[in-house]
Amino acid sequence: MMSMFTTVFGLSPLVFLPGAGSELYRGVGAIVLFGLLFATLVTLTFLPTLLVTLLNFNRRNAGLISRPAFIQPKYQELKLSLRTAFSCPSCDCRTI
């Protein structure tokens, strides 16, 4: 955050203050300045939300978070059918 602030404050005069010769560098400065601000905004808002969503998705698939009621019975039936399909009939051990 500190390096972003120093870069933004260093580029602000180049972008916002008119002066002799600043016409050439104003476009590049504006692209870098607003790109840095947008990247910081995405980093602070979108990426944490995406991380929490993916972690909850992984926990739900691992069985740590309960599934909604309309999915639970079908999931249990599938789990039971997989266990019986891959169990050894002679010693009743499960391979999965």
Protein backbone atom coordinates (compact mmCIF):
# COMPACT_ATOMS: atom_id res chain seq x y z
CA MET A 1 0.00 0.00 0.00
CA MET A 2 2.80 2.42 0.82
CA SER A 3 4.53 1.90 -2.52
CA MET A 4 1.19 2.42 -4.30
CA PHE A 5 0.65 5.69 -2.42
CA THR A 6 4.14 7.00 -3.24
CA THR A 7 3.70 6.10 -6.92
CA VAL A 8 0.25 7.72 -7.09
CA PHE A 9 1.45 10.87 -5.35
CA GLY A 10 4.53 10.99 -7.58
CA LEU A 11 2.51 10.61 -10.79
CA SER A 12 -0.32 12.97 -9.81
CA PRO A 13 1.53 16.19 -10.68
CA LEU A 14 2.53 14.72 -14.04
CA VAL A 15 -1.08 13.91 -14.87
CA PHE A 16 -3.04 16.76 -13.28
CA LEU A 17 -0.76 19.82 -13.49
CA PRO A 18 -0.19 21.40 -16.89
CA GLY A 19 3.28 22.54 -17.76
CA ALA A 20 5.79 22.86 -20.53
CA GLY A 21 6.54 19.46 -22.04
CA SER A 22 3.97 17.61 -19.94
CA GLU A 23 1.82 16.91 -23.00
CA LEU A 24 4.09 14.06 -24.04
CA TYR A 25 4.10 12.30 -20.69
CA ARG A 26 0.54 13.02 -19.56
CA GLY A 27 -0.96 10.05 -21.46
CA VAL A 28 1.56 7.56 -20.11
CA GLY A 29 1.22 8.97 -16.62
CA ALA A 30 -2.57 8.72 -16.73
CA ILE A 31 -2.45 5.11 -17.90
CA VAL A 32 0.00 4.12 -15.16
CA LEU A 33 -1.81 6.12 -12.47
CA PHE A 34 -5.32 4.85 -13.18
CA GLY A 35 -4.07 1.32 -13.87
CA LEU A 36 -2.38 1.26 -10.49
CA LEU A 37 -5.50 2.58 -8.77
CA PHE A 38 -7.68 -0.01 -10.52
CA ALA A 39 -5.29 -2.86 -9.68
CA THR A 40 -5.28 -1.78 -6.03
CA LEU A 41 -9.07 -1.66 -5.97
CA VAL A 42 -9.31 -5.16 -7.48
CA THR A 43 -6.68 -6.48 -5.07
CA LEU A 44 -8.47 -5.11 -2.00
CA THR A 45 -12.04 -6.04 -2.97
CA PHE A 46 -12.39 -8.71 -5.64
CA LEU A 47 -9.56 -11.11 -4.79
CA PRO A 48 -10.50 -11.61 -1.10
CA THR A 49 -14.10 -12.26 -2.15
CA LEU A 50 -12.94 -14.77 -4.74
CA LEU A 51 -10.71 -16.49 -2.17
CA VAL A 52 -13.52 -16.84 0.38
CA THR A 53 -15.86 -18.19 -2.30
CA LEU A 54 -13.35 -20.79 -3.47
CA LEU A 55 -12.49 -21.87 0.08
CA ASN A 56 -16.17 -22.34 0.91
CA PHE A 57 -16.60 -24.31 -2.30
CA ASN A 58 -13.69 -26.59 -1.36
CA ARG A 59 -14.98 -27.06 2.19
CA ARG A 60 -18.44 -27.89 0.92
CA ASN A 61 -17.03 -30.50 -1.45
CA ALA A 62 -14.91 -31.96 1.34
CA GLY A 63 -18.00 -32.35 3.52
CA LEU A 64 -16.96 -29.81 6.17
CA ILE A 65 -19.95 -27.58 5.45
CA SER A 66 -23.37 -29.17 5.26
CA ARG A 67 -25.03 -29.24 1.89
CA PRO A 68 -28.46 -27.76 1.23
CA ALA A 69 -31.36 -30.06 2.12
CA PHE A 70 -32.43 -30.70 -1.46
CA ILE A 71 -28.92 -31.95 -2.40
CA GLN A 72 -28.16 -33.98 0.74
CA PRO A 73 -30.30 -37.11 0.06
CA LYS A 74 -29.02 -37.54 -3.49
CA TYR A 75 -25.45 -37.08 -2.29
CA GLN A 76 -25.90 -39.71 0.44
CA GLU A 77 -27.42 -42.17 -2.05
CA LEU A 78 -24.53 -41.66 -4.44
CA LYS A 79 -22.01 -42.09 -1.64
CA LEU A 80 -23.70 -45.31 -0.50
CA SER A 81 -23.90 -46.72 -4.03
CA LEU A 82 -20.20 -45.98 -4.60
CA ARG A 83 -19.29 -47.74 -1.36
CA THR A 84 -21.24 -50.84 -2.26
CA ALA A 85 -19.92 -50.84 -5.82
CA PHE A 86 -16.30 -50.76 -4.71
CA SER A 87 -16.51 -53.01 -1.64
CA CYS A 88 -14.94 -56.42 -1.57
CA PRO A 89 -17.63 -59.12 -1.14
CA SER A 90 -15.35 -61.64 0.56
CA CYS A 91 -13.91 -59.54 3.39
CA ASP A 92 -16.21 -56.47 3.38
CA CYS A 93 -13.31 -54.03 3.01
CA ARG A 94 -13.75 -50.79 1.10
CA THR A 95 -11.31 -49.66 -1.50
CA ILE A 96 -12.44 -46.02 -1.48
